Amino acid sequence: MKTMLKKLNSLIGKAYDAENFHCYHFIESVLPVPKLKDVHVDTALNDISKYKDLFVEIDSPVDFCIVLLGDKHIGIHYNGGIYHNDKDGVRYESMRVMKMKYKGFKWFLYPPQS
C-alpha cells in the first residue's frame, strides 16, 4: 500500500490531457485495471460510466478503491479524500470538497474481490 500511495503522490500536479491523460488514464497508471485502449475503444473519452462494468460495486469506500463521481469522472479514494485528474490536473481533495463539486458517489473494487 505504501507503494501505491507513493505512486499517487508522485502524480500530483501532472497535467490533464483529454487525449492522453484524462481521469481513466490516471486510474490505469496507478491500479491494475484494464488499459483503456483494450476495452471499449469505441466509447467516448468523457463517458467513464461505461467503464464501471469492469469493476465490482461496494457499499462504502475503502482505501484505494475506485470512485465514480457523478456519471463522467473517476478517481481513487484514500483516507477520507479522493485523488483525481481533471482540467486542473492531478490532485487530492477531501470528501467535503468533492461533495460540493459532484452529486453522487459510487465505490468500486478492481480486481474484483471474492
PDB file of N, CA and C in Angstrom:
ATOM      1  N   MET A   1       0.814  -1.204   0.000  1.00  0.00           N
ATOM      2  CA  MET A   1       0.000   0.000   0.000  1.00  0.00           C
ATOM      3  C   MET A   1       0.852   1.259   0.000  1.00  0.00           C
ATOM      4  N   LYS A   2       2.009   1.211   0.641  1.00  0.00           N
ATOM      5  CA  LYS A   2       2.879   2.379   0.619  1.00  0.00           C
ATOM      6  C   LYS A   2       3.345   2.688  -0.798  1.00  0.00           C
ATOM      7  N   THR A   3       3.554   1.634  -1.601  1.00  0.00           N
ATOM      8  CA  THR A   3       3.970   1.836  -2.980  1.00  0.00           C
ATOM      9  C   THR A   3       2.882   2.552  -3.771  1.00  0.00           C
ATOM     10  N   MET A   4       1.631   2.151  -3.570  1.00  0.00           N
ATOM     11  CA  MET A   4       0.521   2.786  -4.279  1.00  0.00           C
ATOM     12  C   MET A   4       0.364   4.244  -3.852  1.00  0.00           C
ATOM     13  N   LEU A   5       0.481   4.511  -2.575  1.00  0.00           N
ATOM     14  CA  LEU A   5       0.379   5.881  -2.084  1.00  0.00           C
ATOM     15  C   LEU A   5       1.517   6.734  -2.645  1.00  0.00           C
ATOM     16  N   LYS A   6       2.695   6.165  -2.696  1.00  0.00           N
ATOM     17  CA  LYS A   6       3.852   6.875  -3.265  1.00  0.00           C
ATOM     18  C   LYS A   6       3.586   7.204  -4.740  1.00  0.00           C
ATOM     19  N   LYS A   7       3.027   6.246  -5.480  1.00  0.00           N
ATOM     20  CA  LYS A   7       2.705   6.470  -6.893  1.00  0.00           C
ATOM     21  C   LYS A   7       1.664   7.577  -7.028  1.00  0.00           C
ATOM     22  N   LEU A   8       0.594   7.525  -6.214  1.00  0.00           N
ATOM     23  CA  LEU A   8      -0.426   8.570  -6.254  1.00  0.00           C
ATOM     24  C   LEU A   8       0.178   9.948  -6.003  1.00  0.00           C
ATOM     25  N   ASN A   9       0.978  10.045  -4.966  1.00  0.00           N
ATOM     26  CA  ASN A   9       1.575  11.337  -4.621  1.00  0.00           C
ATOM     27  C   ASN A   9       2.553  11.823  -5.688  1.00  0.00           C
ATOM     28  N   SER A  10       3.217  10.896  -6.377  1.00  0.00           N
ATOM     29  CA  SER A  10       4.155  11.294  -7.431  1.00  0.00           C
ATOM     30  C   SER A  10       3.434  11.894  -8.636  1.00  0.00           C
ATOM     31  N   LEU A  11       2.147  11.593  -8.776  1.00  0.00           N
ATOM     32  CA  LEU A  11       1.379  12.108  -9.917  1.00  0.00           C
ATOM     33  C   LEU A  11       0.700  13.450  -9.636  1.00  0.00           C
ATOM     34  N   ILE A  12       0.701  13.897  -8.392  1.00  0.00           N
ATOM     35  CA  ILE A  12       0.084  15.188  -8.075  1.00  0.00           C
ATOM     36  C   ILE A  12       0.748  16.286  -8.901  1.00  0.00           C
ATOM     37  N   GLY A  13      -0.104  17.064  -9.537  1.00  0.00           N
ATOM     38  CA  GLY A  13       0.378  18.157 -10.379  1.00  0.00           C
ATOM     39  C   GLY A  13       0.541  17.788 -11.838  1.00  0.00           C
ATOM     40  N   LYS A  14       0.487  16.491 -12.172  1.00  0.00           N
ATOM     41  CA  LYS A  14       0.603  16.110 -13.576  1.00  0.00           C
ATOM     42  C   LYS A  14      -0.579  16.690 -14.341  1.00  0.00           C
ATOM     43  N   ALA A  15      -0.284  17.250 -15.498  1.00  0.00           N
ATOM     44  CA  ALA A  15      -1.298  17.947 -16.283  1.00  0.00           C
ATOM     45  C   ALA A  15      -2.305  17.003 -16.925  1.00  0.00           C
ATOM     46  N   TYR A  16      -3.537  17.453 -16.967  1.00  0.00           N
ATOM     47  CA  TYR A  16      -4.624  16.771 -17.658  1.00  0.00           C
ATOM     48  C   TYR A  16      -4.413  16.911 -19.155  1.00  0.00           C
ATOM     49  N   ASP A  17      -4.723  15.864 -19.903  1.00  0.00           N
ATOM     50  CA  ASP A  17      -4.682  15.888 -21.362  1.00  0.00           C
ATOM     51  C   ASP A  17      -5.867  15.039 -21.832  1.00  0.00           C
ATOM     52  N   ALA A  18      -6.834  15.651 -22.484  1.00  0.00           N
ATOM     53  CA  ALA A  18      -8.069  14.964 -22.870  1.00  0.00           C
ATOM     54  C   ALA A  18      -7.820  13.727 -23.728  1.00  0.00           C
ATOM     55  N   GLU A  19      -6.767  13.719 -24.501  1.00  0.00           N
ATOM     56  CA  GLU A  19      -6.473  12.575 -25.371  1.00  0.00           C
ATOM     57  C   GLU A  19      -5.553  11.547 -24.718  1.00  0.00           C
ATOM     58  N   ASN A  20      -4.623  11.995 -23.900  1.00  0.00           N
ATOM     59  CA  ASN A  20      -3.571  11.101 -23.421  1.00  0.00           C
ATOM     60  C   ASN A  20      -3.487  10.886 -21.917  1.00  0.00           C
ATOM     61  N   PHE A  21      -4.114  11.754 -21.130  1.00  0.00           N
ATOM     62  CA  PHE A  21      -4.052  11.586 -19.679  1.00  0.00           C
ATOM     63  C   PHE A  21      -5.256  12.229 -19.008  1.00  0.00           C
ATOM     64  N   HIS A  22      -6.411  11.594 -19.194  1.00  0.00           N
ATOM     65  CA  HIS A  22      -7.621  12.037 -18.500  1.00  0.00           C
ATOM     66  C   HIS A  22      -7.808  11.151 -17.273  1.00  0.00           C
ATOM     67  N   CYS A  23      -8.988  11.204 -16.654  1.00  0.00           N
ATOM     68  CA  CYS A  23      -9.168  10.535 -15.366  1.00  0.00           C
ATOM     69  C   CYS A  23      -9.007   9.013 -15.433  1.00  0.00           C
ATOM     70  N   TYR A  24      -9.433   8.377 -16.532  1.00  0.00           N
ATOM     71  CA  TYR A  24      -9.240   6.927 -16.605  1.00  0.00           C
ATOM     72  C   TYR A  24      -7.768   6.583 -16.806  1.00  0.00           C
ATOM     73  N   HIS A  25      -7.053   7.360 -17.613  1.00  0.00           N
ATOM     74  CA  HIS A  25      -5.614   7.144 -17.764  1.00  0.00           C
ATOM     75  C   HIS A  25      -4.921   7.250 -16.402  1.00  0.00           C
ATOM     76  N   PHE A  26      -5.376   8.200 -15.589  1.00  0.00           N
ATOM     77  CA  PHE A  26      -4.817   8.348 -14.245  1.00  0.00           C
ATOM     78  C   PHE A  26      -5.027   7.071 -13.437  1.00  0.00           C
ATOM     79  N   ILE A  27      -6.259   6.534 -13.475  1.00  0.00           N
ATOM     80  CA  ILE A  27      -6.564   5.302 -12.749  1.00  0.00           C
ATOM     81  C   ILE A  27      -5.664   4.166 -13.224  1.00  0.00           C
ATOM     82  N   GLU A  28      -5.539   4.018 -14.544  1.00  0.00           N
ATOM     83  CA  GLU A  28      -4.748   2.897 -15.070  1.00  0.00           C
ATOM     84  C   GLU A  28      -3.255   3.067 -14.804  1.00  0.00           C
ATOM     85  N   SER A  29      -2.813   4.271 -14.505  1.00  0.00           N
ATOM     86  CA  SER A  29      -1.398   4.463 -14.185  1.00  0.00           C
ATOM     87  C   SER A  29      -1.074   4.067 -12.739  1.00  0.00           C
ATOM     88  N   VAL A  30      -2.120   3.871 -11.922  1.00  0.00           N
ATOM     89  CA  VAL A  30      -1.931   3.541 -10.504  1.00  0.00           C
ATOM     90  C   VAL A  30      -2.414   2.133 -10.171  1.00  0.00           C
ATOM     91  N   LEU A  31      -3.586   1.757 -10.684  1.00  0.00           N
ATOM     92  CA  LEU A  31      -4.202   0.470 -10.342  1.00  0.00           C
ATOM     93  C   LEU A  31      -4.074  -0.530 -11.501  1.00  0.00           C
ATOM     94  N   PRO A  32      -4.145  -1.824 -11.195  1.00  0.00           N
ATOM     95  CA  PRO A  32      -4.027  -2.839 -12.243  1.00  0.00           C
ATOM     96  C   PRO A  32      -5.346  -3.068 -12.989  1.00  0.00           C
ATOM     97  N   VAL A  33      -5.903  -2.009 -13.548  1.00  0.00           N
ATOM     98  CA  VAL A  33      -7.152  -2.091 -14.307  1.00  0.00           C
ATOM     99  C   VAL A  33      -6.832  -2.337 -15.782  1.00  0.00           C
ATOM    100  N   PRO A  34      -7.811  -2.817 -16.545  1.00  0.00           N
ATOM    101  CA  PRO A  34      -7.579  -2.981 -17.984  1.00  0.00           C
ATOM    102  C   PRO A  34      -7.214  -1.640 -18.617  1.00  0.00           C
ATOM    103  N   LYS A  35      -6.336  -1.681 -19.574  1.00  0.00           N
ATOM    104  CA  LYS A  35      -5.934  -0.460 -20.276  1.00  0.00           C
ATOM    105  C   LYS A  35      -7.093   0.053 -21.123  1.00  0.00           C
ATOM    106  N   LEU A  36      -7.249   1.350 -21.148  1.00  0.00           N
ATOM    107  CA  LEU A  36      -8.312   1.994 -21.907  1.00  0.00           C
ATOM    108  C   LEU A  36      -8.314   1.530 -23.356  1.00  0.00           C
ATOM    109  N   LYS A  37      -7.149   1.414 -23.951  1.00  0.00           N
ATOM    110  CA  LYS A  37      -7.057   1.033 -25.367  1.00  0.00           C
ATOM    111  C   LYS A  37      -7.532  -0.397 -25.617  1.00  0.00           C
ATOM    112  N   ASP A  38      -7.613  -1.209 -24.563  1.00  0.00           N
ATOM    113  CA  ASP A  38      -8.008  -2.607 -24.719  1.00  0.00           C
ATOM    114  C   ASP A  38      -9.489  -2.860 -24.489  1.00  0.00           C
ATOM    115  N   VAL A  39     -10.205  -1.874 -23.966  1.00  0.00           N
ATOM    116  CA  VAL A  39     -11.632  -2.045 -23.688  1.00  0.00           C
ATOM    117  C   VAL A  39     -12.412  -0.845 -24.191  1.00  0.00           C
ATOM    118  N   HIS A  40     -13.583  -1.097 -24.727  1.00  0.00           N
ATOM    119  CA  HIS A  40     -14.488  -0.029 -25.153  1.00  0.00           C
ATOM    120  C   HIS A  40     -13.795   1.026 -26.014  1.00  0.00           C
ATOM    121  N   VAL A  41     -13.014   0.588 -26.981  1.00  0.00           N
ATOM    122  CA  VAL A  41     -12.281   1.554 -27.797  1.00  0.00           C
ATOM    123  C   VAL A  41     -13.202   2.504 -28.554  1.00  0.00           C
ATOM    124  N   ASP A  42     -14.471   2.127 -28.719  1.00  0.00           N
ATOM    125  CA  ASP A  42     -15.412   2.992 -29.414  1.00  0.00           C
ATOM    126  C   ASP A  42     -16.149   3.943 -28.475  1.00  0.00           C
ATOM    127  N   THR A  43     -15.827   3.896 -27.194  1.00  0.00           N
ATOM    128  CA  THR A  43     -16.503   4.721 -26.201  1.00  0.00           C
ATOM    129  C   THR A  43     -15.875   6.114 -26.151  1.00  0.00           C
ATOM    130  N   ALA A  44     -16.718   7.113 -26.075  1.00  0.00           N
ATOM    131  CA  ALA A  44     -16.220   8.486 -25.950  1.00  0.00           C
ATOM    132  C   ALA A  44     -15.412   8.625 -24.664  1.00  0.00           C
ATOM    133  N   LEU A  45     -14.365   9.391 -24.722  1.00  0.00           N
ATOM    134  CA  LEU A  45     -13.485   9.556 -23.565  1.00  0.00           C
ATOM    135  C   LEU A  45     -14.218  10.127 -22.364  1.00  0.00           C
ATOM    136  N   ASN A  46     -15.259  10.921 -22.598  1.00  0.00           N
ATOM    137  CA  ASN A  46     -15.949  11.543 -21.467  1.00  0.00           C
ATOM    138  C   ASN A  46     -17.108  10.697 -20.954  1.00  0.00           C
ATOM    139  N   ASP A  47     -17.205   9.442 -21.379  1.00  0.00           N
ATOM    140  CA  ASP A  47     -18.295   8.582 -20.919  1.00  0.00           C
ATOM    141  C   ASP A  47     -17.744   7.490 -20.015  1.00  0.00           C
ATOM    142  N   ILE A  48     -17.139   7.906 -18.930  1.00  0.00           N
ATOM    143  CA  ILE A  48     -16.482   6.998 -17.995  1.00  0.00           C
ATOM    144  C   ILE A  48     -17.460   6.025 -17.370  1.00  0.00           C
ATOM    145  N   SER A  49     -18.733   6.382 -17.301  1.00  0.00           N
ATOM    146  CA  SER A  49     -19.702   5.495 -16.656  1.00  0.00           C
ATOM    147  C   SER A  49     -19.746   4.115 -17.308  1.00  0.00           C
ATOM    148  N   LYS A  50     -19.388   4.011 -18.573  1.00  0.00           N
ATOM    149  CA  LYS A  50     -19.393   2.706 -19.248  1.00  0.00           C
ATOM    150  C   LYS A  50     -18.307   1.781 -18.701  1.00  0.00           C
ATOM    151  N   TYR A  51     -17.290   2.334 -18.088  1.00  0.00           N
ATOM    152  CA  TYR A  51     -16.204   1.515 -17.550  1.00  0.00           C
ATOM    153  C   TYR A  51     -16.553   0.873 -16.219  1.00  0.00           C
ATOM    154  N   LYS A  52     -17.605   1.367 -15.580  1.00  0.00           N
ATOM    155  CA  LYS A  52     -17.935   0.835 -14.267  1.00  0.00           C
ATOM    156  C   LYS A  52     -18.288  -0.649 -14.317  1.00  0.00           C
ATOM    157  N   ASP A  53     -18.670  -1.158 -15.476  1.00  0.00           N
ATOM    158  CA  ASP A  53     -18.963  -2.583 -15.601  1.00  0.00           C
ATOM    159  C   ASP A  53     -17.717  -3.459 -15.436  1.00  0.00           C
ATOM    160  N   LEU A  54     -16.552  -2.859 -15.483  1.00  0.00           N
ATOM    161  CA  LEU A  54     -15.309  -3.606 -15.291  1.00  0.00           C
ATOM    162  C   LEU A  54     -15.042  -3.880 -13.811  1.00  0.00           C
ATOM    163  N   PHE A  55     -15.751  -3.196 -12.940  1.00  0.00           N
ATOM    164  CA  PHE A  55     -15.470  -3.227 -11.512  1.00  0.00           C
ATOM    165  C   PHE A  55     -16.647  -3.792 -10.726  1.00  0.00           C
ATOM    166  N   VAL A  56     -16.409  -4.109  -9.465  1.00  0.00           N
ATOM    167  CA  VAL A  56     -17.460  -4.600  -8.579  1.00  0.00           C
ATOM    168  C   VAL A  56     -17.818  -3.488  -7.599  1.00  0.00           C
ATOM    169  N   GLU A  57     -19.096  -3.116  -7.584  1.00  0.00           N
ATOM    170  CA  GLU A  57     -19.538  -2.041  -6.702  1.00  0.00           C
ATOM    171  C   GLU A  57     -19.552  -2.518  -5.250  1.00  0.00           C
ATOM    172  N   ILE A  58     -19.124  -1.634  -4.354  1.00  0.00           N
ATOM    173  CA  ILE A  58     -19.155  -1.905  -2.921  1.00  0.00           C
ATOM    174  C   ILE A  58     -19.996  -0.822  -2.240  1.00  0.00           C
ATOM    175  N   ASP A  59     -20.443  -1.087  -1.021  1.00  0.00           N
ATOM    176  CA  ASP A  59     -21.362  -0.179  -0.332  1.00  0.00           C
ATOM    177  C   ASP A  59     -20.711   1.064   0.250  1.00  0.00           C
ATOM    178  N   SER A  60     -19.460   0.945   0.672  1.00  0.00           N
ATOM    179  CA  SER A  60     -18.797   2.087   1.286  1.00  0.00           C
ATOM    180  C   SER A  60     -17.321   2.077   0.885  1.00  0.00           C
ATOM    181  N   PRO A  61     -16.688   3.235   0.936  1.00  0.00           N
ATOM    182  CA  PRO A  61     -15.313   3.323   0.443  1.00  0.00           C
ATOM    183  C   PRO A  61     -14.296   2.616   1.334  1.00  0.00           C
ATOM    184  N   VAL A  62     -13.274   2.103   0.691  1.00  0.00           N
ATOM    185  CA  VAL A  62     -12.080   1.586   1.361  1.00  0.00           C
ATOM    186  C   VAL A  62     -10.891   2.252   0.676  1.00  0.00           C
ATOM    187  N   ASP A  63      -9.790   2.332   1.379  1.00  0.00           N
ATOM    188  CA  ASP A  63      -8.602   2.950   0.781  1.00  0.00           C
ATOM    189  C   ASP A  63      -8.232   2.270  -0.523  1.00  0.00           C
ATOM    190  N   PHE A  64      -7.946   3.084  -1.516  1.00  0.00           N
ATOM    191  CA  PHE A  64      -7.507   2.688  -2.851  1.00  0.00           C
ATOM    192  C   PHE A  64      -8.613   2.071  -3.706  1.00  0.00           C
ATOM    193  N   CYS A  65      -9.871   2.257  -3.315  1.00  0.00           N
ATOM    194  CA  CYS A  65     -10.953   1.815  -4.198  1.00  0.00           C
ATOM    195  C   CYS A  65     -11.188   2.897  -5.253  1.00  0.00           C
ATOM    196  N   ILE A  66     -11.871   2.506  -6.305  1.00  0.00           N
ATOM    197  CA  ILE A  66     -12.206   3.409  -7.394  1.00  0.00           C
ATOM    198  C   ILE A  66     -13.505   4.124  -7.034  1.00  0.00           C
ATOM    199  N   VAL A  67     -13.576   5.400  -7.367  1.00  0.00           N
ATOM    200  CA  VAL A  67     -14.767   6.204  -7.079  1.00  0.00           C
ATOM    201  C   VAL A  67     -15.314   6.754  -8.388  1.00  0.00           C
ATOM    202  N   LEU A  68     -16.591   6.486  -8.640  1.00  0.00           N
ATOM    203  CA  LEU A  68     -17.270   7.124  -9.758  1.00  0.00           C
ATOM    204  C   LEU A  68     -17.945   8.362  -9.189  1.00  0.00           C
ATOM    205  N   LEU A  69     -17.573   9.512  -9.705  1.00  0.00           N
ATOM    206  CA  LEU A  69     -18.082  10.804  -9.242  1.00  0.00           C
ATOM    207  C   LEU A  69     -19.118  11.280 -10.258  1.00  0.00           C
ATOM    208  N   GLY A  70     -20.368  11.286  -9.881  1.00  0.00           N
ATOM    209  CA  GLY A  70     -21.404  11.615 -10.852  1.00  0.00           C
ATOM    210  C   GLY A  70     -21.432  10.533 -11.920  1.00  0.00           C
ATOM    211  N   ASP A  71     -21.510  10.936 -13.179  1.00  0.00           N
ATOM    212  CA  ASP A  71     -21.547   9.976 -14.285  1.00  0.00           C
ATOM    213  C   ASP A  71     -20.292   9.974 -15.142  1.00  0.00           C
ATOM    214  N   LYS A  72     -19.474  11.012 -15.040  1.00  0.00           N
ATOM    215  CA  LYS A  72     -18.416  11.163 -16.038  1.00  0.00           C
ATOM    216  C   LYS A  72     -17.024  11.391 -15.481  1.00  0.00           C
ATOM    217  N   HIS A  73     -16.826  11.092 -14.216  1.00  0.00           N
ATOM    218  CA  HIS A  73     -15.495  11.316 -13.640  1.00  0.00           C
ATOM    219  C   HIS A  73     -15.180  10.172 -12.696  1.00  0.00           C
ATOM    220  N   ILE A  74     -13.905   9.866 -12.576  1.00  0.00           N
ATOM    221  CA  ILE A  74     -13.471   8.721 -11.786  1.00  0.00           C
ATOM    222  C   ILE A  74     -12.198   9.099 -11.030  1.00  0.00           C
ATOM    223  N   GLY A  75     -12.051   8.540  -9.827  1.00  0.00           N
ATOM    224  CA  GLY A  75     -10.882   8.829  -9.012  1.00  0.00           C
ATOM    225  C   GLY A  75     -10.564   7.650  -8.112  1.00  0.00           C
ATOM    226  N   ILE A  76      -9.645   7.872  -7.181  1.00  0.00           N
ATOM    227  CA  ILE A  76      -9.224   6.842  -6.233  1.00  0.00           C
ATOM    228  C   ILE A  76      -9.392   7.389  -4.819  1.00  0.00           C
ATOM    229  N   HIS A  77     -10.150   6.659  -4.002  1.00  0.00           N
ATOM    230  CA  HIS A  77     -10.392   7.062  -2.613  1.00  0.00           C
ATOM    231  C   HIS A  77      -9.185   6.702  -1.748  1.00  0.00           C
ATOM    232  N   TYR A  78      -8.839   7.614  -0.837  1.00  0.00           N
ATOM    233  CA  TYR A  78      -7.811   7.318   0.161  1.00  0.00           C
ATOM    234  C   TYR A  78      -8.016   8.222   1.366  1.00  0.00           C
ATOM    235  N   ASN A  79      -8.097   7.639   2.536  1.00  0.00           N
ATOM    236  CA  ASN A  79      -8.078   8.360   3.799  1.00  0.00           C
ATOM    237  C   ASN A  79      -9.057   9.540   3.847  1.00  0.00           C
ATOM    238  N   GLY A  80     -10.284   9.298   3.420  1.00  0.00           N
ATOM    239  CA  GLY A  80     -11.296  10.339   3.511  1.00  0.00           C
ATOM    240  C   GLY A  80     -11.268  11.379   2.414  1.00  0.00           C
ATOM    241  N   GLY A  81     -10.524  11.143   1.370  1.00  0.00           N
ATOM    242  CA  GLY A  81     -10.468  12.065   0.244  1.00  0.00           C
ATOM    243  C   GLY A  81     -10.330  11.300  -1.057  1.00  0.00           C
ATOM    244  N   ILE A  82     -10.186  12.045  -2.140  1.00  0.00           N
ATOM    245  CA  ILE A  82     -10.117  11.420  -3.462  1.00  0.00           C
ATOM    246  C   ILE A  82      -8.986  12.035  -4.273  1.00  0.00           C
ATOM    247  N   TYR A  83      -8.157  11.152  -4.820  1.00  0.00           N
ATOM    248  CA  TYR A  83      -7.180  11.549  -5.825  1.00  0.00           C
ATOM    249  C   TYR A  83      -7.904  11.489  -7.167  1.00  0.00           C
ATOM    250  N   HIS A  84      -7.760  12.521  -7.985  1.00  0.00           N
ATOM    251  CA  HIS A  84      -8.401  12.508  -9.292  1.00  0.00           C
ATOM    252  C   HIS A  84      -7.674  13.438 -10.249  1.00  0.00           C
ATOM    253  N   ASN A  85      -8.030  13.338 -11.521  1.00  0.00           N
ATOM    254  CA  ASN A  85      -7.406  14.142 -12.564  1.00  0.00           C
ATOM    255  C   ASN A  85      -8.495  14.760 -13.431  1.00  0.00           C
ATOM    256  N   ASP A  86      -8.528  16.082 -13.462  1.00  0.00           N
ATOM    257  CA  ASP A  86      -9.441  16.783 -14.359  1.00  0.00           C
ATOM    258  C   ASP A  86      -8.697  17.962 -14.972  1.00  0.00           C
ATOM    259  N   LYS A  87      -9.406  18.912 -15.527  1.00  0.00           N
ATOM    260  CA  LYS A  87      -8.755  20.017 -16.235  1.00  0.00           C
ATOM    261  C   LYS A  87      -7.726  20.769 -15.397  1.00  0.00           C
ATOM    262  N   ASP A  88      -7.803  20.647 -14.073  1.00  0.00           N
ATOM    263  CA  ASP A  88      -6.835  21.302 -13.197  1.00  0.00           C
ATOM    264  C   ASP A  88      -5.653  20.410 -12.857  1.00  0.00           C
ATOM    265  N   GLY A  89      -5.601  19.204 -13.439  1.00  0.00           N
ATOM    266  CA  GLY A  89      -4.502  18.281 -13.187  1.00  0.00           C
ATOM    267  C   GLY A  89      -4.770  17.364 -12.005  1.00  0.00           C
ATOM    268  N   VAL A  90      -3.817  16.495 -11.735  1.00  0.00           N
ATOM    269  CA  VAL A  90      -3.964  15.505 -10.665  1.00  0.00           C
ATOM    270  C   VAL A  90      -3.829  16.190  -9.313  1.00  0.00           C
ATOM    271  N   ARG A  91      -4.749  15.840  -8.409  1.00  0.00           N
ATOM    272  CA  ARG A  91      -4.678  16.373  -7.056  1.00  0.00           C
ATOM    273  C   ARG A  91      -5.488  15.495  -6.108  1.00  0.00           C
ATOM    274  N   TYR A  92      -5.333  15.768  -4.831  1.00  0.00           N
ATOM    275  CA  TYR A  92      -6.063  15.082  -3.765  1.00  0.00           C
ATOM    276  C   TYR A  92      -6.966  16.107  -3.119  1.00  0.00           C
ATOM    277  N   GLU A  93      -8.275  15.760  -2.991  1.00  0.00           N
ATOM    278  CA  GLU A  93      -9.221  16.667  -2.360  1.00  0.00           C
ATOM    279  C   GLU A  93     -10.054  15.911  -1.340  1.00  0.00           C
ATOM    280  N   SER A  94     -10.416  16.593  -0.274  1.00  0.00           N
ATOM    281  CA  SER A  94     -11.214  15.975   0.785  1.00  0.00           C
ATOM    282  C   SER A  94     -12.615  15.648   0.279  1.00  0.00           C
ATOM    283  N   MET A  95     -13.281  14.717   0.949  1.00  0.00           N
ATOM    284  CA  MET A  95     -14.661  14.382   0.598  1.00  0.00           C
ATOM    285  C   MET A  95     -15.561  15.605   0.765  1.00  0.00           C
ATOM    286  N   ARG A  96     -15.275  16.431   1.731  1.00  0.00           N
ATOM    287  CA  ARG A  96     -16.078  17.644   1.936  1.00  0.00           C
ATOM    288  C   ARG A  96     -16.058  18.510   0.672  1.00  0.00           C
ATOM    289  N   VAL A  97     -14.897  18.708   0.105  1.00  0.00           N
ATOM    290  CA  VAL A  97     -14.771  19.495  -1.123  1.00  0.00           C
ATOM    291  C   VAL A  97     -15.426  18.775  -2.292  1.00  0.00           C
ATOM    292  N   MET A  98     -15.188  17.471  -2.396  1.00  0.00           N
ATOM    293  CA  MET A  98     -15.734  16.708  -3.516  1.00  0.00           C
ATOM    294  C   MET A  98     -17.265  16.687  -3.493  1.00  0.00           C
ATOM    295  N   LYS A  99     -17.868  16.668  -2.312  1.00  0.00           N
ATOM    296  CA  LYS A  99     -19.329  16.674  -2.208  1.00  0.00           C
ATOM    297  C   LYS A  99     -19.920  17.996  -2.696  1.00  0.00           C
ATOM    298  N   MET A 100     -19.129  19.057  -2.659  1.00  0.00           N
ATOM    299  CA  MET A 100     -19.592  20.338  -3.185  1.00  0.00           C
ATOM    300  C   MET A 100     -19.527  20.360  -4.712  1.00  0.00           C
ATOM    301  N   LYS A 101     -18.695  19.511  -5.289  1.00  0.00           N
ATOM    302  CA  LYS A 101     -18.474  19.511  -6.734  1.00  0.00           C
ATOM    303  C   LYS A 101     -19.283  18.457  -7.482  1.00  0.00           C
ATOM    304  N   TYR A 102     -19.587  17.343  -6.831  1.00  0.00           N
ATOM    305  CA  TYR A 102     -20.212  16.208  -7.516  1.00  0.00           C
ATOM    306  C   TYR A 102     -21.438  15.719  -6.774  1.00  0.00           C
ATOM    307  N   LYS A 103     -22.430  15.309  -7.545  1.00  0.00           N
ATOM    308  CA  LYS A 103     -23.627  14.693  -6.967  1.00  0.00           C
ATOM    309  C   LYS A 103     -23.457  13.195  -7.094  1.00  0.00           C
ATOM    310  N   GLY A 104     -23.462  12.519  -6.008  1.00  0.00           N
ATOM    311  CA  GLY A 104     -23.405  11.067  -6.031  1.00  0.00           C
ATOM    312  C   GLY A 104     -22.016  10.482  -6.188  1.00  0.00           C
ATOM    313  N   PHE A 105     -21.773   9.467  -5.383  1.00  0.00           N
ATOM    314  CA  PHE A 105     -20.507   8.750  -5.407  1.00  0.00           C
ATOM    315  C   PHE A 105     -20.807   7.256  -5.391  1.00  0.00           C
ATOM    316  N   LYS A 106     -20.113   6.505  -6.217  1.00  0.00           N
ATOM    317  CA  LYS A 106     -20.211   5.049  -6.192  1.00  0.00           C
ATOM    318  C   LYS A 106     -18.804   4.508  -6.026  1.00  0.00           C
ATOM    319  N   TRP A 107     -18.698   3.456  -5.247  1.00  0.00           N
ATOM    320  CA  TRP A 107     -17.406   2.894  -4.871  1.00  0.00           C
ATOM    321  C   TRP A 107     -17.227   1.534  -5.538  1.00  0.00           C
ATOM    322  N   PHE A 108     -16.023   1.256  -6.044  1.00  0.00           N
ATOM    323  CA  PHE A 108     -15.780   0.015  -6.765  1.00  0.00           C
ATOM    324  C   PHE A 108     -14.411  -0.565  -6.423  1.00  0.00           C
ATOM    325  N   LEU A 109     -14.324  -1.892  -6.565  1.00  0.00           N
ATOM    326  CA  LEU A 109     -13.046  -2.581  -6.407  1.00  0.00           C
ATOM    327  C   LEU A 109     -12.616  -3.168  -7.743  1.00  0.00           C
ATOM    328  N   TYR A 110     -11.319  -3.164  -7.960  1.00  0.00           N
ATOM    329  CA  TYR A 110     -10.716  -3.876  -9.071  1.00  0.00           C
ATOM    330  C   TYR A 110      -9.323  -4.277  -8.619  1.00  0.00           C
ATOM    331  N   PRO A 111      -8.891  -5.490  -8.831  1.00  0.00           N
ATOM    332  CA  PRO A 111      -9.720  -6.544  -9.424  1.00  0.00           C
ATOM    333  C   PRO A 111     -10.827  -6.943  -8.461  1.00  0.00           C
ATOM    334  N   PRO A 112     -11.888  -7.498  -9.024  1.00  0.00           N
ATOM    335  CA  PRO A 112     -12.998  -7.909  -8.154  1.00  0.00           C
ATOM    336  C   PRO A 112     -12.515  -8.809  -7.020  1.00  0.00           C
ATOM    337  N   GLN A 113     -12.959  -8.518  -5.832  1.00  0.00           N
ATOM    338  CA  GLN A 113     -12.586  -9.315  -4.650  1.00  0.00           C
ATOM    339  C   GLN A 113     -13.617 -10.398  -4.455  1.00  0.00           C
ATOM    340  N   SER A 114     -13.172 -11.619  -4.109  1.00  0.00           N
ATOM    341  CA  SER A 114     -14.136 -12.703  -3.892  1.00  0.00           C
ATOM    342  C   SER A 114     -14.503 -12.823  -2.436  1.00  0.00           C
TER     343      SER A 114
END
